[in-house]
N, C-alpha and C. Protein backbone atom coordinates (compact mmCIF):
# COMPACT_ATOMS: atom_id res chain seq x y z
N MET A 1 56.58 79.69 77.47
CA MET A 1 57.78 79.33 76.76
C MET A 1 58.94 79.22 77.76
N LYS A 2 59.59 78.09 77.84
CA LYS A 2 60.73 77.87 78.73
C LYS A 2 62.01 78.22 77.99
N VAL A 3 62.82 79.09 78.61
CA VAL A 3 64.04 79.56 77.97
C VAL A 3 65.21 79.29 78.91
N ASP A 4 66.26 78.62 78.42
CA ASP A 4 67.48 78.41 79.17
C ASP A 4 68.62 78.99 78.35
N ILE A 5 69.14 80.13 78.78
CA ILE A 5 70.12 80.90 78.02
C ILE A 5 71.36 81.12 78.87
N ASP A 6 72.53 81.11 78.25
CA ASP A 6 73.77 81.48 78.93
C ASP A 6 73.89 83.00 78.85
N PHE A 7 73.33 83.68 79.82
CA PHE A 7 73.29 85.14 79.80
C PHE A 7 74.69 85.75 79.93
N ILE A 8 75.55 85.14 80.72
CA ILE A 8 76.88 85.69 80.94
C ILE A 8 77.64 85.83 79.61
N SER A 9 77.45 84.87 78.70
CA SER A 9 78.17 84.91 77.42
C SER A 9 77.76 86.10 76.55
N GLY A 10 76.59 86.67 76.78
CA GLY A 10 76.14 87.81 76.00
C GLY A 10 76.71 89.14 76.47
N LEU A 11 77.11 89.19 77.73
CA LEU A 11 77.63 90.45 78.28
C LEU A 11 78.91 90.86 77.57
N GLY A 12 79.00 92.14 77.24
CA GLY A 12 80.20 92.67 76.62
C GLY A 12 80.23 92.57 75.10
N LEU A 13 79.25 91.87 74.52
CA LEU A 13 79.17 91.85 73.06
C LEU A 13 78.66 93.19 72.58
N PHE A 14 79.00 93.58 71.35
CA PHE A 14 78.56 94.87 70.84
C PHE A 14 77.94 94.73 69.46
N TRP A 15 77.05 95.67 69.15
CA TRP A 15 76.38 95.72 67.86
C TRP A 15 77.35 96.24 66.82
N PRO A 16 77.50 95.57 65.68
CA PRO A 16 76.71 94.50 65.05
C PRO A 16 77.41 93.14 65.04
N GLU A 17 78.10 92.75 66.08
CA GLU A 17 78.78 91.45 66.11
C GLU A 17 77.78 90.32 65.85
N LEU A 18 78.24 89.34 65.10
CA LEU A 18 77.39 88.19 64.79
C LEU A 18 76.98 87.45 66.06
N ASP A 19 77.91 87.30 67.02
CA ASP A 19 77.56 86.60 68.27
C ASP A 19 76.45 87.34 69.02
N LEU A 20 76.46 88.67 68.97
CA LEU A 20 75.38 89.43 69.61
C LEU A 20 74.07 89.21 68.87
N LYS A 21 74.10 89.22 67.54
CA LYS A 21 72.88 88.98 66.77
C LYS A 21 72.31 87.60 67.08
N ARG A 22 73.16 86.61 67.21
CA ARG A 22 72.71 85.25 67.57
C ARG A 22 72.11 85.24 68.98
N PHE A 23 72.78 85.93 69.91
CA PHE A 23 72.28 85.99 71.28
C PHE A 23 70.90 86.64 71.31
N LEU A 24 70.74 87.76 70.62
CA LEU A 24 69.44 88.44 70.57
C LEU A 24 68.38 87.53 69.96
N ALA A 25 68.74 86.82 68.89
CA ALA A 25 67.79 85.90 68.25
C ALA A 25 67.35 84.80 69.21
N SER A 26 68.27 84.34 70.09
CA SER A 26 67.91 83.30 71.06
C SER A 26 66.88 83.82 72.06
N LEU A 27 66.78 85.14 72.18
CA LEU A 27 65.79 85.77 73.06
C LEU A 27 64.57 86.26 72.28
N ALA A 28 64.49 85.89 71.01
CA ALA A 28 63.42 86.32 70.11
C ALA A 28 63.38 87.84 70.00
N ILE A 29 64.56 88.46 70.01
CA ILE A 29 64.69 89.90 69.80
C ILE A 29 65.40 90.09 68.47
N LEU A 30 64.69 90.63 67.49
CA LEU A 30 65.24 90.74 66.15
C LEU A 30 65.59 92.17 65.78
N ASP A 31 65.34 93.10 66.69
CA ASP A 31 65.61 94.51 66.42
C ASP A 31 67.07 94.86 66.70
N GLU A 32 67.54 95.91 66.05
CA GLU A 32 68.85 96.48 66.33
C GLU A 32 68.72 97.41 67.54
N PRO A 33 69.74 97.44 68.42
CA PRO A 33 69.66 98.42 69.51
C PRO A 33 69.54 99.83 68.92
N PRO A 34 68.70 100.67 69.49
CA PRO A 34 68.54 102.03 68.96
C PRO A 34 69.87 102.78 68.96
N PRO A 35 70.03 103.76 68.09
CA PRO A 35 71.24 104.58 68.11
C PRO A 35 71.37 105.29 69.45
N LEU A 36 72.61 105.50 69.87
CA LEU A 36 72.84 106.18 71.16
C LEU A 36 72.60 107.68 71.07
N ASN A 37 72.90 108.27 69.92
CA ASN A 37 72.80 109.72 69.74
C ASN A 37 73.44 110.43 70.92
N ASP A 38 72.69 111.21 71.68
CA ASP A 38 73.24 111.93 72.82
C ASP A 38 73.10 111.16 74.13
N SER A 39 72.53 109.98 74.09
CA SER A 39 72.31 109.19 75.29
C SER A 39 73.50 108.28 75.56
N TYR A 40 73.69 107.90 76.80
CA TYR A 40 74.77 106.98 77.13
C TYR A 40 74.31 105.52 77.11
N SER A 41 72.99 105.30 77.02
CA SER A 41 72.50 103.93 76.95
C SER A 41 71.21 103.86 76.13
N CYS A 42 70.90 102.63 75.70
CA CYS A 42 69.66 102.36 74.97
C CYS A 42 69.20 100.96 75.36
N PHE A 43 67.98 100.61 74.98
CA PHE A 43 67.36 99.39 75.50
C PHE A 43 66.69 98.58 74.40
N LEU A 44 66.64 97.26 74.61
CA LEU A 44 65.84 96.33 73.83
C LEU A 44 65.08 95.46 74.82
N TYR A 45 63.94 94.92 74.39
CA TYR A 45 63.08 94.17 75.30
C TYR A 45 62.46 92.97 74.60
N ASN A 46 62.13 91.96 75.39
CA ASN A 46 61.15 90.96 75.03
C ASN A 46 60.19 90.93 76.22
N HIS A 47 59.14 91.74 76.12
CA HIS A 47 58.19 91.88 77.23
C HIS A 47 57.55 90.56 77.61
N GLY A 48 57.21 89.74 76.60
CA GLY A 48 56.55 88.47 76.86
C GLY A 48 57.42 87.50 77.62
N LEU A 49 58.74 87.56 77.42
CA LEU A 49 59.66 86.69 78.15
C LEU A 49 60.14 87.31 79.47
N GLY A 50 59.84 88.59 79.68
CA GLY A 50 60.27 89.25 80.91
C GLY A 50 61.73 89.63 80.91
N ILE A 51 62.27 89.97 79.72
CA ILE A 51 63.70 90.27 79.58
C ILE A 51 63.89 91.70 79.09
N GLU A 52 64.82 92.40 79.73
CA GLU A 52 65.16 93.78 79.39
C GLU A 52 66.68 93.87 79.23
N LEU A 53 67.14 94.40 78.10
CA LEU A 53 68.56 94.53 77.81
C LEU A 53 68.97 96.00 77.78
N THR A 54 70.09 96.31 78.40
CA THR A 54 70.63 97.66 78.38
C THR A 54 71.95 97.65 77.62
N PHE A 55 72.04 98.52 76.64
CA PHE A 55 73.28 98.70 75.88
C PHE A 55 73.88 100.03 76.30
N LYS A 56 75.18 100.05 76.49
CA LYS A 56 75.85 101.26 76.94
C LYS A 56 76.91 101.66 75.94
N ASN A 57 77.14 102.95 75.83
CA ASN A 57 78.21 103.49 75.00
C ASN A 57 79.52 102.93 75.54
N ALA A 58 80.30 102.25 74.69
CA ALA A 58 81.55 101.62 75.11
C ALA A 58 82.51 102.62 75.74
N ASP A 59 82.46 103.86 75.30
CA ASP A 59 83.36 104.88 75.83
C ASP A 59 83.09 105.18 77.31
N LEU A 60 81.93 104.77 77.82
CA LEU A 60 81.54 105.09 79.19
C LEU A 60 81.60 103.89 80.14
N LEU A 61 82.03 102.74 79.64
CA LEU A 61 82.13 101.56 80.51
C LEU A 61 83.24 101.76 81.53
N LYS A 62 82.98 101.40 82.79
CA LYS A 62 84.00 101.52 83.83
C LYS A 62 85.12 100.51 83.63
N PHE A 63 84.75 99.28 83.27
CA PHE A 63 85.73 98.23 83.01
C PHE A 63 85.45 97.67 81.63
N ARG A 64 86.47 97.62 80.81
CA ARG A 64 86.31 97.14 79.44
C ARG A 64 86.97 95.78 79.31
N PRO A 65 86.17 94.75 79.06
CA PRO A 65 86.75 93.41 78.93
C PRO A 65 87.58 93.25 77.65
N ARG A 66 87.43 94.19 76.73
CA ARG A 66 88.14 94.14 75.45
C ARG A 66 88.07 95.51 74.81
N ASP A 67 88.70 95.65 73.65
CA ASP A 67 88.63 96.91 72.91
C ASP A 67 87.33 96.96 72.10
N TYR A 68 86.78 98.16 71.99
CA TYR A 68 85.55 98.38 71.23
C TYR A 68 85.75 99.55 70.28
N PRO A 69 85.00 99.55 69.19
CA PRO A 69 84.98 100.76 68.35
C PRO A 69 84.40 101.93 69.16
N ARG A 70 84.78 103.10 68.80
CA ARG A 70 84.28 104.30 69.48
C ARG A 70 82.75 104.34 69.43
N LYS A 71 82.13 104.64 70.57
CA LYS A 71 80.67 104.73 70.72
C LYS A 71 79.92 103.44 70.39
N ALA A 72 80.60 102.30 70.46
CA ALA A 72 79.92 101.02 70.21
C ALA A 72 78.81 100.82 71.23
N ARG A 73 77.73 100.16 70.81
CA ARG A 73 76.62 99.82 71.69
C ARG A 73 76.91 98.44 72.30
N VAL A 74 77.36 98.43 73.54
CA VAL A 74 77.79 97.22 74.22
C VAL A 74 76.67 96.71 75.12
N LEU A 75 76.40 95.41 75.04
CA LEU A 75 75.40 94.81 75.93
C LEU A 75 75.97 94.82 77.35
N GLN A 76 75.43 95.71 78.18
CA GLN A 76 75.97 95.94 79.51
C GLN A 76 75.16 95.23 80.60
N ASN A 77 73.83 95.12 80.44
CA ASN A 77 72.99 94.59 81.51
C ASN A 77 71.85 93.78 80.92
N ILE A 78 71.57 92.65 81.57
CA ILE A 78 70.43 91.79 81.20
C ILE A 78 69.58 91.63 82.46
N ARG A 79 68.36 92.17 82.41
CA ARG A 79 67.46 92.11 83.57
C ARG A 79 66.35 91.09 83.29
N LEU A 80 66.12 90.22 84.27
CA LEU A 80 65.06 89.23 84.22
C LEU A 80 64.02 89.61 85.26
N HIS A 81 62.81 89.88 84.82
CA HIS A 81 61.74 90.31 85.72
C HIS A 81 61.07 89.09 86.36
N GLY A 82 60.93 89.13 87.68
CA GLY A 82 60.33 88.02 88.41
C GLY A 82 58.84 88.17 88.64
N GLU A 83 58.32 89.32 88.31
CA GLU A 83 56.88 89.56 88.49
C GLU A 83 56.40 90.46 87.35
N THR A 84 55.11 90.48 87.16
CA THR A 84 54.55 91.36 86.13
C THR A 84 54.85 92.80 86.51
N LYS A 85 55.41 93.53 85.54
CA LYS A 85 55.74 94.94 85.76
C LYS A 85 55.45 95.68 84.46
N GLY A 86 54.40 96.47 84.46
CA GLY A 86 54.01 97.16 83.22
C GLY A 86 53.75 96.13 82.13
N ALA A 87 54.44 96.26 81.01
CA ALA A 87 54.27 95.33 79.89
C ALA A 87 55.04 94.03 80.06
N PHE A 88 55.90 93.94 81.08
CA PHE A 88 56.74 92.75 81.26
C PHE A 88 55.99 91.63 81.95
N SER A 89 56.09 90.44 81.37
CA SER A 89 55.62 89.21 82.02
C SER A 89 56.76 88.70 82.89
N PRO A 90 56.45 87.83 83.85
CA PRO A 90 57.52 87.23 84.64
C PRO A 90 58.37 86.30 83.78
N TYR A 91 59.68 86.33 83.99
CA TYR A 91 60.60 85.44 83.28
C TYR A 91 60.42 84.03 83.82
N ARG A 92 60.31 83.05 82.92
CA ARG A 92 60.02 81.67 83.32
C ARG A 92 61.19 80.71 83.09
N GLY A 93 62.30 81.18 82.56
CA GLY A 93 63.43 80.30 82.26
C GLY A 93 64.35 80.13 83.45
N ALA A 94 65.48 79.46 83.19
CA ALA A 94 66.49 79.25 84.22
C ALA A 94 67.20 80.57 84.50
N ILE A 95 67.35 80.88 85.77
CA ILE A 95 68.03 82.10 86.21
C ILE A 95 69.49 81.72 86.49
N PRO A 96 70.42 82.60 86.14
CA PRO A 96 71.83 82.27 86.40
C PRO A 96 72.09 81.87 87.84
N PHE A 97 73.06 80.96 88.00
CA PHE A 97 73.56 80.50 89.30
C PHE A 97 72.52 79.75 90.11
N GLY A 98 71.50 79.22 89.44
CA GLY A 98 70.49 78.43 90.13
C GLY A 98 69.56 79.23 91.02
N LEU A 99 69.48 80.53 90.78
CA LEU A 99 68.60 81.37 91.60
C LEU A 99 67.14 81.16 91.19
N ARG A 100 66.24 81.51 92.11
CA ARG A 100 64.81 81.45 91.87
C ARG A 100 64.19 82.74 92.39
N PHE A 101 63.07 83.13 91.82
CA PHE A 101 62.41 84.36 92.24
C PHE A 101 61.75 84.24 93.61
N ASP A 102 61.54 83.02 94.10
CA ASP A 102 60.93 82.85 95.42
C ASP A 102 61.97 82.81 96.54
N MET A 103 63.24 83.03 96.21
CA MET A 103 64.29 83.01 97.23
C MET A 103 64.21 84.26 98.11
N THR A 104 64.57 84.08 99.37
CA THR A 104 64.63 85.19 100.32
C THR A 104 66.03 85.80 100.29
N LYS A 105 66.18 86.92 100.95
CA LYS A 105 67.49 87.56 101.06
C LYS A 105 68.50 86.58 101.65
N GLN A 106 68.11 85.88 102.70
CA GLN A 106 69.04 84.94 103.35
C GLN A 106 69.38 83.76 102.44
N SER A 107 68.40 83.26 101.69
CA SER A 107 68.70 82.12 100.80
C SER A 107 69.62 82.54 99.66
N LEU A 108 69.53 83.81 99.21
CA LEU A 108 70.47 84.32 98.21
C LEU A 108 71.89 84.35 98.78
N ILE A 109 72.00 84.82 100.01
CA ILE A 109 73.32 84.88 100.66
C ILE A 109 73.86 83.47 100.90
N ASP A 110 72.98 82.55 101.30
CA ASP A 110 73.41 81.16 101.49
C ASP A 110 73.93 80.57 100.18
N ARG A 111 73.31 80.93 99.08
CA ARG A 111 73.69 80.39 97.76
C ARG A 111 74.95 81.04 97.19
N LEU A 112 75.05 82.38 97.31
CA LEU A 112 76.11 83.13 96.63
C LEU A 112 77.19 83.66 97.56
N GLY A 113 76.97 83.59 98.85
CA GLY A 113 77.90 84.19 99.79
C GLY A 113 77.49 85.61 100.09
N PRO A 114 78.22 86.28 100.96
CA PRO A 114 77.87 87.66 101.31
C PRO A 114 77.94 88.57 100.08
N PRO A 115 76.97 89.49 99.94
CA PRO A 115 77.01 90.40 98.80
C PRO A 115 78.17 91.39 98.92
N SER A 116 78.61 91.88 97.77
CA SER A 116 79.67 92.88 97.72
C SER A 116 79.15 94.25 98.07
N TRP A 117 77.85 94.46 97.87
CA TRP A 117 77.21 95.77 98.07
C TRP A 117 75.75 95.53 98.39
N VAL A 118 75.20 96.34 99.31
CA VAL A 118 73.78 96.24 99.69
C VAL A 118 73.21 97.65 99.75
N ALA A 119 72.02 97.82 99.18
CA ALA A 119 71.27 99.08 99.30
C ALA A 119 69.93 98.75 99.94
N GLU A 120 69.81 99.05 101.19
CA GLU A 120 68.60 98.71 101.94
C GLU A 120 67.38 99.49 101.46
N HIS A 121 67.56 100.72 101.02
CA HIS A 121 66.43 101.57 100.63
C HIS A 121 65.78 101.11 99.33
N ILE A 122 66.43 100.27 98.52
CA ILE A 122 65.84 99.88 97.22
C ILE A 122 64.91 98.67 97.36
N PRO A 123 65.10 97.61 98.03
CA PRO A 123 66.29 96.93 98.51
C PRO A 123 66.96 96.13 97.39
N SER A 124 68.27 96.21 97.33
CA SER A 124 69.05 95.57 96.27
C SER A 124 70.37 95.08 96.82
N MET A 125 70.87 93.99 96.23
CA MET A 125 72.19 93.45 96.59
C MET A 125 72.96 93.19 95.31
N ARG A 126 74.30 93.27 95.42
CA ARG A 126 75.16 93.00 94.25
C ARG A 126 76.30 92.09 94.68
N TRP A 127 76.61 91.14 93.80
CA TRP A 127 77.76 90.27 93.98
C TRP A 127 78.69 90.52 92.81
N ASP A 128 79.98 90.74 93.09
CA ASP A 128 80.95 91.05 92.05
C ASP A 128 81.84 89.85 91.74
N ALA A 129 82.09 89.66 90.46
CA ALA A 129 83.04 88.66 89.98
C ALA A 129 83.91 89.34 88.93
N GLU A 130 84.93 88.65 88.46
CA GLU A 130 85.89 89.26 87.53
C GLU A 130 85.25 89.76 86.23
N ARG A 131 84.39 88.94 85.63
CA ARG A 131 83.85 89.28 84.30
C ARG A 131 82.44 89.84 84.31
N TYR A 132 81.80 89.85 85.47
CA TYR A 132 80.41 90.29 85.55
C TYR A 132 80.06 90.59 87.00
N CYS A 133 78.89 91.15 87.19
CA CYS A 133 78.31 91.26 88.53
C CYS A 133 76.85 90.84 88.43
N LEU A 134 76.27 90.52 89.56
CA LEU A 134 74.89 90.08 89.61
C LEU A 134 74.16 90.94 90.63
N PHE A 135 73.00 91.45 90.23
CA PHE A 135 72.13 92.22 91.12
C PHE A 135 70.87 91.41 91.39
N ALA A 136 70.41 91.45 92.64
CA ALA A 136 69.10 90.90 93.00
C ALA A 136 68.32 92.02 93.68
N ASN A 137 67.17 92.34 93.13
CA ASN A 137 66.27 93.33 93.71
C ASN A 137 65.14 92.59 94.40
N LEU A 138 64.94 92.87 95.67
CA LEU A 138 63.95 92.14 96.47
C LEU A 138 62.60 92.83 96.41
N SER A 139 61.56 92.02 96.50
CA SER A 139 60.20 92.56 96.50
C SER A 139 59.76 92.85 97.93
N GLU A 140 58.65 93.54 98.06
CA GLU A 140 58.11 93.86 99.38
C GLU A 140 57.65 92.62 100.13
N THR A 141 57.36 91.54 99.41
CA THR A 141 56.91 90.30 100.04
C THR A 141 58.07 89.40 100.43
N GLY A 142 59.30 89.81 100.14
CA GLY A 142 60.46 89.05 100.56
C GLY A 142 61.09 88.21 99.48
N GLY A 143 60.45 88.03 98.33
CA GLY A 143 61.04 87.29 97.23
C GLY A 143 61.92 88.19 96.38
N VAL A 144 62.30 87.69 95.23
CA VAL A 144 63.17 88.43 94.32
C VAL A 144 62.32 89.06 93.22
N ARG A 145 62.38 90.36 93.10
CA ARG A 145 61.62 91.10 92.09
C ARG A 145 62.27 90.97 90.72
N SER A 146 63.61 91.11 90.68
CA SER A 146 64.34 90.98 89.42
C SER A 146 65.77 90.57 89.70
N VAL A 147 66.38 89.95 88.69
CA VAL A 147 67.79 89.56 88.72
C VAL A 147 68.43 90.15 87.49
N SER A 148 69.60 90.76 87.66
CA SER A 148 70.34 91.33 86.54
C SER A 148 71.77 90.83 86.56
N VAL A 149 72.28 90.47 85.38
CA VAL A 149 73.71 90.24 85.22
C VAL A 149 74.23 91.41 84.41
N GLN A 150 75.43 91.86 84.73
CA GLN A 150 75.93 93.09 84.13
C GLN A 150 77.44 93.02 84.00
N THR A 151 77.98 93.82 83.09
CA THR A 151 79.42 93.96 83.03
C THR A 151 79.88 94.54 84.37
N PRO A 152 81.13 94.31 84.78
CA PRO A 152 81.57 94.74 86.11
C PRO A 152 81.42 96.24 86.35
N VAL A 153 81.14 96.57 87.61
CA VAL A 153 81.09 97.97 88.02
C VAL A 153 82.28 98.33 88.90
N VAL A 154 82.94 97.31 89.45
CA VAL A 154 84.17 97.49 90.23
C VAL A 154 85.11 96.35 89.89
N GLU A 155 86.37 96.54 90.19
CA GLU A 155 87.34 95.47 89.98
C GLU A 155 87.13 94.42 91.06
N ALA A 156 87.08 93.16 90.65
CA ALA A 156 86.85 92.06 91.59
C ALA A 156 87.85 90.95 91.32
N THR A 157 88.22 90.23 92.36
CA THR A 157 89.15 89.13 92.20
C THR A 157 88.45 87.76 92.23
N ARG A 158 87.19 87.75 92.64
CA ARG A 158 86.42 86.51 92.67
C ARG A 158 86.17 86.06 91.23
N PRO A 159 86.61 84.85 90.85
CA PRO A 159 86.45 84.45 89.45
C PRO A 159 85.01 84.21 89.01
N SER A 160 84.16 83.68 89.90
CA SER A 160 82.79 83.34 89.51
C SER A 160 81.90 83.30 90.74
N LEU A 161 80.60 83.23 90.50
CA LEU A 161 79.62 83.13 91.57
C LEU A 161 78.95 81.77 91.54
N GLY A 162 78.39 81.38 92.66
CA GLY A 162 77.55 80.19 92.72
C GLY A 162 78.31 78.90 92.51
N ALA A 163 77.53 77.84 92.44
CA ALA A 163 78.11 76.51 92.26
C ALA A 163 77.98 76.06 90.83
């Protein structure tokens, strides 16, 4: 199944907003995010599409793009798996910013510019923009293991990434 979704538009939506319900339906996810209870985050998945969603308690977001009800479940992170991992199949749709899972570390930098943050021990890189950030986790073979778009983790002045 080929999926082309505007993932950035889903970031920051909260349950039970209609736009979030529509976004989840576009990913063939019909479940409600689990209650947070004592946890600061909860998850929804479409294993067959290779998509993992993280919802975070709005009270704990570092940067809030808007006002939220207390303890709202905000869509904070969308992870696209590039390889089979447990129950996850590889994601086959369009990846934000024209990225591909066969890209090398250098080709990611050539496409997006220097990363804002690098963790060699994971290995992972992050690029920050005003409304979101993008993570690329590299595999041992040199390709991209997963790509995540997320609500910002630091204040950034760069308006957008990629072309």
